[in-house]
Amino acid sequence: MSAREFPSSWTDPSYVATIVMVLATGSLFFYAALRPGEPSPETVGFVVLWVSAPATVAYELARRLG
């Protein structure tokens, strides 16, 4: 494995964005497990927004502050 496959520090923007995306996805799965019924197209779009938005913000913050 090359050295680039692993983050060089905890503030690496790609690493931070990945962690935030995993946490956001996990919390949305938890929320979906509590709701009865199947997701509508609007819910799917909402989920995509709520997973990608925090990851993008975390990436930009880590890039600018790290």
C-alpha atoms as a PDB file:
ATOM      1  CA  MET A   1       0.000   0.000   0.000  1.00  0.00           C
ATOM      2  CA  SER A   2       1.180   3.467  -0.743  1.00  0.00           C
ATOM      3  CA  ALA A   3       1.583   6.164   1.871  1.00  0.00           C
ATOM      4  CA  ARG A   4      -1.118   8.284   0.202  1.00  0.00           C
ATOM      5  CA  GLU A   5      -3.849   5.748   0.978  1.00  0.00           C
ATOM      6  CA  PHE A   6      -3.681   6.649   4.674  1.00  0.00           C
ATOM      7  CA  PRO A   7      -4.194  10.152   6.070  1.00  0.00           C
ATOM      8  CA  SER A   8      -1.064  11.948   7.113  1.00  0.00           C
ATOM      9  CA  SER A   9      -2.865  13.523  10.071  1.00  0.00           C
ATOM     10  CA  TRP A  10      -6.214  13.641  11.835  1.00  0.00           C
ATOM     11  CA  THR A  11      -6.919  16.989  10.168  1.00  0.00           C
ATOM     12  CA  ASP A  12      -6.542  15.672   6.613  1.00  0.00           C
ATOM     13  CA  PRO A  13      -9.617  17.069   4.779  1.00  0.00           C
ATOM     14  CA  SER A  14     -10.440  13.779   3.049  1.00  0.00           C
ATOM     15  CA  TYR A  15     -10.243  11.900   6.340  1.00  0.00           C
ATOM     16  CA  VAL A  16     -12.437  14.417   8.177  1.00  0.00           C
ATOM     17  CA  ALA A  17     -15.028  14.431   5.387  1.00  0.00           C
ATOM     18  CA  THR A  18     -15.132  10.630   5.349  1.00  0.00           C
ATOM     19  CA  ILE A  19     -15.667  10.410   9.106  1.00  0.00           C
ATOM     20  CA  VAL A  20     -18.435  13.029   9.002  1.00  0.00           C
ATOM     21  CA  MET A  21     -20.127  11.244   6.086  1.00  0.00           C
ATOM     22  CA  VAL A  22     -20.025   7.894   7.905  1.00  0.00           C
ATOM     23  CA  LEU A  23     -21.500   9.455  11.054  1.00  0.00           C
ATOM     24  CA  ALA A  24     -24.203  11.279   9.085  1.00  0.00           C
ATOM     25  CA  THR A  25     -25.123   8.110   7.192  1.00  0.00           C
ATOM     26  CA  GLY A  26     -25.269   6.099  10.407  1.00  0.00           C
ATOM     27  CA  SER A  27     -27.535   8.612  12.088  1.00  0.00           C
ATOM     28  CA  LEU A  28     -29.837   8.654   9.067  1.00  0.00           C
ATOM     29  CA  PHE A  29     -30.045   4.862   9.083  1.00  0.00           C
ATOM     30  CA  PHE A  30     -30.962   5.042  12.766  1.00  0.00           C
ATOM     31  CA  TYR A  31     -33.656   7.618  11.990  1.00  0.00           C
ATOM     32  CA  ALA A  32     -34.980   5.505   9.103  1.00  0.00           C
ATOM     33  CA  ALA A  33     -35.192   2.466  11.368  1.00  0.00           C
ATOM     34  CA  LEU A  34     -37.485   4.389  13.711  1.00  0.00           C
ATOM     35  CA  ARG A  35     -39.864   5.491  10.953  1.00  0.00           C
ATOM     36  CA  PRO A  36     -42.517   3.098   9.628  1.00  0.00           C
ATOM     37  CA  GLY A  37     -43.043   2.625   5.884  1.00  0.00           C
ATOM     38  CA  GLU A  38     -40.770   2.949   2.898  1.00  0.00           C
ATOM     39  CA  PRO A  39     -38.975   6.140   1.827  1.00  0.00           C
ATOM     40  CA  SER A  40     -40.526   8.463  -0.732  1.00  0.00           C
ATOM     41  CA  PRO A  41     -38.471  10.174  -3.475  1.00  0.00           C
ATOM     42  CA  GLU A  42     -38.511  13.373  -1.440  1.00  0.00           C
ATOM     43  CA  THR A  43     -37.073  11.528   1.539  1.00  0.00           C
ATOM     44  CA  VAL A  44     -34.280  10.053  -0.592  1.00  0.00           C
ATOM     45  CA  GLY A  45     -33.347  13.528  -1.851  1.00  0.00           C
ATOM     46  CA  PHE A  46     -33.447  14.860   1.676  1.00  0.00           C
ATOM     47  CA  VAL A  47     -31.139  12.071   2.857  1.00  0.00           C
ATOM     48  CA  VAL A  48     -28.633  12.763   0.073  1.00  0.00           C
ATOM     49  CA  LEU A  49     -28.601  16.430   1.065  1.00  0.00           C
ATOM     50  CA  TRP A  50     -28.161  15.667   4.774  1.00  0.00           C
ATOM     51  CA  VAL A  51     -25.246  13.303   4.087  1.00  0.00           C
ATOM     52  CA  SER A  52     -23.375  15.391   1.537  1.00  0.00           C
ATOM     53  CA  ALA A  53     -23.798  18.824   3.153  1.00  0.00           C
ATOM     54  CA  PRO A  54     -22.024  18.040   6.469  1.00  0.00           C
ATOM     55  CA  ALA A  55     -19.263  16.177   4.626  1.00  0.00           C
ATOM     56  CA  THR A  56     -18.676  19.149   2.327  1.00  0.00           C
ATOM     57  CA  VAL A  57     -18.630  21.618   5.218  1.00  0.00           C
ATOM     58  CA  ALA A  58     -16.254  19.393   7.207  1.00  0.00           C
ATOM     59  CA  TYR A  59     -13.934  19.028   4.216  1.00  0.00           C
ATOM     60  CA  GLU A  60     -13.770  22.783   3.669  1.00  0.00           C
ATOM     61  CA  LEU A  61     -13.227  23.533   7.359  1.00  0.00           C
ATOM     62  CA  ALA A  62     -10.452  20.951   7.629  1.00  0.00           C
ATOM     63  CA  ARG A  63      -8.841  22.237   4.439  1.00  0.00           C
ATOM     64  CA  ARG A  64      -8.865  25.857   5.614  1.00  0.00           C
ATOM     65  CA  LEU A  65      -8.014  25.286   9.279  1.00  0.00           C
ATOM     66  CA  GLY A  66      -5.657  22.311   8.906  1.00  0.00           C
END
